[in-house]
């Protein structure tokens, strides 16, 4: 079996190239929504507990991002990645 052509004039190339753009844009949107949600959650927790806002937001964003990265790593190790 011959590998598919990667030449831009190939009609199959143009039909396949849109998914990558959508995937990258989708990941950027999802990452942004998650980051904003983590900031909001940190602010809400600080307000509810009467704690200083900046350290609470930083704590939630840093540990939330670390937890998601570790989850993605475990998924990759076991072949369960999206």
N, C-alpha and C. Protein backbone atom coordinates (compact mmCIF):
# COMPACT_ATOMS: atom_id res chain seq x y z
N UNK A 1 0.84 -1.18 0.00
CA UNK A 1 0.00 0.00 0.00
C UNK A 1 0.89 1.24 0.00
N UNK A 2 0.58 2.18 -0.86
CA UNK A 2 1.38 3.40 -0.94
C UNK A 2 0.87 4.41 0.08
N UNK A 3 1.79 5.18 0.68
CA UNK A 3 1.36 6.19 1.65
C UNK A 3 0.59 7.31 0.96
N UNK A 4 -0.34 7.95 1.64
CA UNK A 4 -1.10 9.03 1.02
C UNK A 4 -0.20 10.22 0.71
N UNK A 5 -0.55 10.94 -0.32
CA UNK A 5 0.23 12.09 -0.73
C UNK A 5 0.01 13.24 0.25
N UNK A 6 1.07 13.99 0.50
CA UNK A 6 0.96 15.16 1.38
C UNK A 6 1.05 16.44 0.57
N UNK A 7 0.91 16.33 -0.75
CA UNK A 7 1.00 17.50 -1.61
C UNK A 7 -0.28 18.31 -1.53
N UNK A 8 -0.19 19.63 -1.36
CA UNK A 8 -1.40 20.45 -1.22
C UNK A 8 -2.36 20.40 -2.41
N UNK A 9 -1.87 20.05 -3.60
CA UNK A 9 -2.76 19.96 -4.76
C UNK A 9 -3.54 18.66 -4.79
N UNK A 10 -3.16 17.71 -3.96
CA UNK A 10 -3.87 16.44 -3.90
C UNK A 10 -5.22 16.66 -3.24
N UNK A 11 -6.33 16.26 -3.90
CA UNK A 11 -7.66 16.50 -3.31
C UNK A 11 -7.86 15.78 -1.98
N UNK A 12 -7.17 14.66 -1.80
CA UNK A 12 -7.30 13.95 -0.53
C UNK A 12 -6.64 14.74 0.61
N UNK A 13 -5.56 15.46 0.27
CA UNK A 13 -4.87 16.27 1.28
C UNK A 13 -5.79 17.36 1.80
N UNK A 14 -6.48 18.04 0.91
CA UNK A 14 -7.34 19.14 1.35
C UNK A 14 -8.55 18.63 2.13
N UNK A 15 -8.97 17.42 1.85
CA UNK A 15 -10.09 16.86 2.60
C UNK A 15 -9.65 16.43 4.00
N UNK A 16 -8.38 16.09 4.16
CA UNK A 16 -7.90 15.62 5.45
C UNK A 16 -7.35 16.73 6.33
N UNK A 17 -7.00 17.88 5.76
CA UNK A 17 -6.28 18.89 6.53
C UNK A 17 -7.18 19.68 7.48
N UNK A 18 -8.48 19.69 7.30
CA UNK A 18 -9.37 20.48 8.15
C UNK A 18 -9.48 19.96 9.56
N UNK A 19 -9.34 18.67 9.76
CA UNK A 19 -9.50 18.12 11.10
C UNK A 19 -8.41 18.61 12.04
N UNK A 20 -7.20 18.82 11.52
CA UNK A 20 -6.11 19.28 12.37
C UNK A 20 -6.38 20.69 12.88
N UNK A 21 -6.84 21.56 11.99
CA UNK A 21 -7.19 22.92 12.39
C UNK A 21 -8.28 22.90 13.45
N UNK A 22 -9.28 22.07 13.26
CA UNK A 22 -10.38 21.96 14.21
C UNK A 22 -9.89 21.42 15.54
N UNK A 23 -9.01 20.45 15.50
CA UNK A 23 -8.50 19.85 16.73
C UNK A 23 -7.68 20.86 17.53
N UNK A 24 -6.83 21.62 16.85
CA UNK A 24 -6.00 22.60 17.54
C UNK A 24 -6.87 23.71 18.11
N UNK A 25 -7.83 24.19 17.33
CA UNK A 25 -8.73 25.23 17.82
C UNK A 25 -9.58 24.71 18.97
N UNK A 26 -10.05 23.49 18.86
CA UNK A 26 -10.85 22.89 19.92
C UNK A 26 -10.06 22.76 21.21
N UNK A 27 -8.80 22.33 21.10
CA UNK A 27 -7.96 22.20 22.29
C UNK A 27 -7.71 23.56 22.93
N UNK A 28 -7.50 24.59 22.12
CA UNK A 28 -7.27 25.92 22.66
C UNK A 28 -8.50 26.44 23.40
N UNK A 29 -9.66 26.19 22.84
CA UNK A 29 -10.90 26.64 23.49
C UNK A 29 -11.12 25.87 24.79
N UNK A 30 -10.94 24.57 24.75
CA UNK A 30 -11.13 23.76 25.96
C UNK A 30 -10.14 24.17 27.05
N UNK A 31 -8.88 24.37 26.68
CA UNK A 31 -7.87 24.78 27.65
C UNK A 31 -8.22 26.12 28.27
N UNK A 32 -8.69 27.05 27.45
CA UNK A 32 -9.06 28.38 27.95
C UNK A 32 -10.24 28.29 28.91
N UNK A 33 -11.25 27.52 28.55
CA UNK A 33 -12.43 27.38 29.42
C UNK A 33 -12.03 26.74 30.74
N UNK A 34 -11.18 25.74 30.71
CA UNK A 34 -10.74 25.08 31.94
C UNK A 34 -9.94 26.05 32.81
N UNK A 35 -9.03 26.82 32.21
CA UNK A 35 -8.23 27.76 32.98
C UNK A 35 -9.12 28.82 33.64
N UNK A 36 -10.08 29.35 32.90
CA UNK A 36 -11.00 30.34 33.46
C UNK A 36 -11.82 29.72 34.58
N UNK A 37 -12.24 28.48 34.39
CA UNK A 37 -13.02 27.79 35.43
C UNK A 37 -12.19 27.58 36.69
N UNK A 38 -10.93 27.23 36.54
CA UNK A 38 -10.07 27.05 37.71
C UNK A 38 -9.87 28.37 38.46
N UNK A 39 -9.70 29.45 37.73
CA UNK A 39 -9.57 30.77 38.36
C UNK A 39 -10.84 31.11 39.12
N UNK A 40 -11.99 30.89 38.49
CA UNK A 40 -13.27 31.19 39.14
C UNK A 40 -13.47 30.32 40.38
N UNK A 41 -13.09 29.06 40.30
CA UNK A 41 -13.23 28.16 41.44
C UNK A 41 -12.33 28.60 42.59
N UNK A 42 -11.11 29.01 42.28
CA UNK A 42 -10.21 29.51 43.32
C UNK A 42 -10.75 30.78 43.97
N UNK A 43 -11.28 31.68 43.16
CA UNK A 43 -11.85 32.92 43.69
C UNK A 43 -13.07 32.64 44.55
N UNK A 44 -13.92 31.74 44.10
CA UNK A 44 -15.11 31.39 44.86
C UNK A 44 -14.75 30.75 46.20
N UNK A 45 -13.76 29.86 46.18
CA UNK A 45 -13.32 29.22 47.41
C UNK A 45 -12.72 30.23 48.38
N UNK A 46 -11.94 31.17 47.87
CA UNK A 46 -11.34 32.18 48.73
C UNK A 46 -12.42 33.08 49.33
N UNK A 47 -13.38 33.47 48.52
CA UNK A 47 -14.46 34.33 49.01
C UNK A 47 -15.29 33.60 50.06
N UNK A 48 -15.60 32.33 49.81
CA UNK A 48 -16.41 31.57 50.76
C UNK A 48 -15.68 31.34 52.08
N UNK A 49 -14.35 31.16 52.00
CA UNK A 49 -13.59 30.88 53.20
C UNK A 49 -12.97 32.10 53.85
N UNK A 50 -13.12 33.26 53.23
CA UNK A 50 -12.53 34.48 53.79
C UNK A 50 -11.02 34.51 53.69
N UNK A 51 -10.46 33.81 52.72
CA UNK A 51 -9.01 33.75 52.54
C UNK A 51 -8.56 34.78 51.51
N UNK A 52 -7.27 35.10 51.48
CA UNK A 52 -6.75 36.00 50.44
C UNK A 52 -6.98 35.41 49.04
N UNK A 53 -7.37 36.24 48.10
CA UNK A 53 -7.78 35.79 46.77
C UNK A 53 -6.62 35.23 45.94
N UNK A 54 -5.50 35.97 45.85
CA UNK A 54 -4.41 35.57 44.94
C UNK A 54 -3.82 34.20 45.28
N UNK A 55 -3.47 33.92 46.54
CA UNK A 55 -2.91 32.60 46.82
C UNK A 55 -3.90 31.46 46.56
N UNK A 56 -5.17 31.72 46.83
CA UNK A 56 -6.18 30.67 46.60
C UNK A 56 -6.31 30.37 45.11
N UNK A 57 -6.35 31.42 44.30
CA UNK A 57 -6.46 31.23 42.85
C UNK A 57 -5.22 30.49 42.33
N UNK A 58 -4.04 30.94 42.76
CA UNK A 58 -2.80 30.29 42.30
C UNK A 58 -2.78 28.81 42.70
N UNK A 59 -3.19 28.53 43.92
CA UNK A 59 -3.19 27.15 44.40
C UNK A 59 -4.12 26.27 43.56
N UNK A 60 -5.32 26.76 43.30
CA UNK A 60 -6.28 25.95 42.53
C UNK A 60 -5.82 25.78 41.08
N UNK A 61 -5.30 26.84 40.47
CA UNK A 61 -4.85 26.75 39.07
C UNK A 61 -3.65 25.81 38.95
N UNK A 62 -2.67 25.97 39.82
CA UNK A 62 -1.45 25.15 39.73
C UNK A 62 -1.77 23.68 40.00
N UNK A 63 -2.45 23.39 41.09
CA UNK A 63 -2.73 22.00 41.42
C UNK A 63 -3.75 21.38 40.47
N UNK A 64 -4.69 22.18 39.97
CA UNK A 64 -5.65 21.67 38.99
C UNK A 64 -4.97 21.31 37.68
N UNK A 65 -4.07 22.19 37.23
CA UNK A 65 -3.33 21.90 35.99
C UNK A 65 -2.42 20.69 36.16
N UNK A 66 -1.79 20.58 37.32
CA UNK A 66 -0.93 19.42 37.58
C UNK A 66 -1.74 18.13 37.60
N UNK A 67 -2.91 18.17 38.22
CA UNK A 67 -3.76 16.97 38.26
C UNK A 67 -4.20 16.57 36.85
N UNK A 68 -4.55 17.55 36.01
CA UNK A 68 -4.96 17.23 34.63
C UNK A 68 -3.79 16.68 33.82
N UNK A 69 -2.59 17.24 34.03
CA UNK A 69 -1.41 16.75 33.30
C UNK A 69 -1.08 15.32 33.71
N UNK A 70 -1.15 15.05 35.01
CA UNK A 70 -0.89 13.68 35.48
C UNK A 70 -1.93 12.70 34.94
N UNK A 71 -3.18 13.13 34.90
CA UNK A 71 -4.23 12.27 34.36
C UNK A 71 -3.98 11.98 32.88
N UNK A 72 -3.57 13.00 32.13
CA UNK A 72 -3.26 12.80 30.71
C UNK A 72 -2.07 11.86 30.54
N UNK A 73 -1.06 12.00 31.40
CA UNK A 73 0.11 11.13 31.33
C UNK A 73 -0.26 9.68 31.60
N UNK A 74 -1.06 9.44 32.62
CA UNK A 74 -1.49 8.08 32.92
C UNK A 74 -2.31 7.52 31.75
N UNK A 75 -3.16 8.35 31.16
CA UNK A 75 -3.93 7.92 30.00
C UNK A 75 -3.04 7.54 28.83
N UNK A 76 -1.99 8.32 28.61
CA UNK A 76 -1.04 8.00 27.54
C UNK A 76 -0.28 6.71 27.83
N UNK A 77 0.11 6.52 29.08
CA UNK A 77 0.85 5.31 29.44
C UNK A 77 0.01 4.04 29.25
N UNK A 78 -1.28 4.14 29.50
CA UNK A 78 -2.15 2.99 29.36
C UNK A 78 -2.91 2.97 28.03
N UNK A 79 -2.58 3.91 27.15
CA UNK A 79 -3.19 3.94 25.82
C UNK A 79 -4.67 4.30 25.82
N UNK A 80 -5.07 5.19 26.74
CA UNK A 80 -6.47 5.57 26.82
C UNK A 80 -6.65 7.01 26.38
N UNK A 81 -5.63 7.63 25.79
CA UNK A 81 -5.69 9.03 25.38
C UNK A 81 -6.76 9.27 24.33
N UNK A 82 -7.25 10.48 24.32
CA UNK A 82 -8.33 10.84 23.37
C UNK A 82 -7.81 10.98 21.97
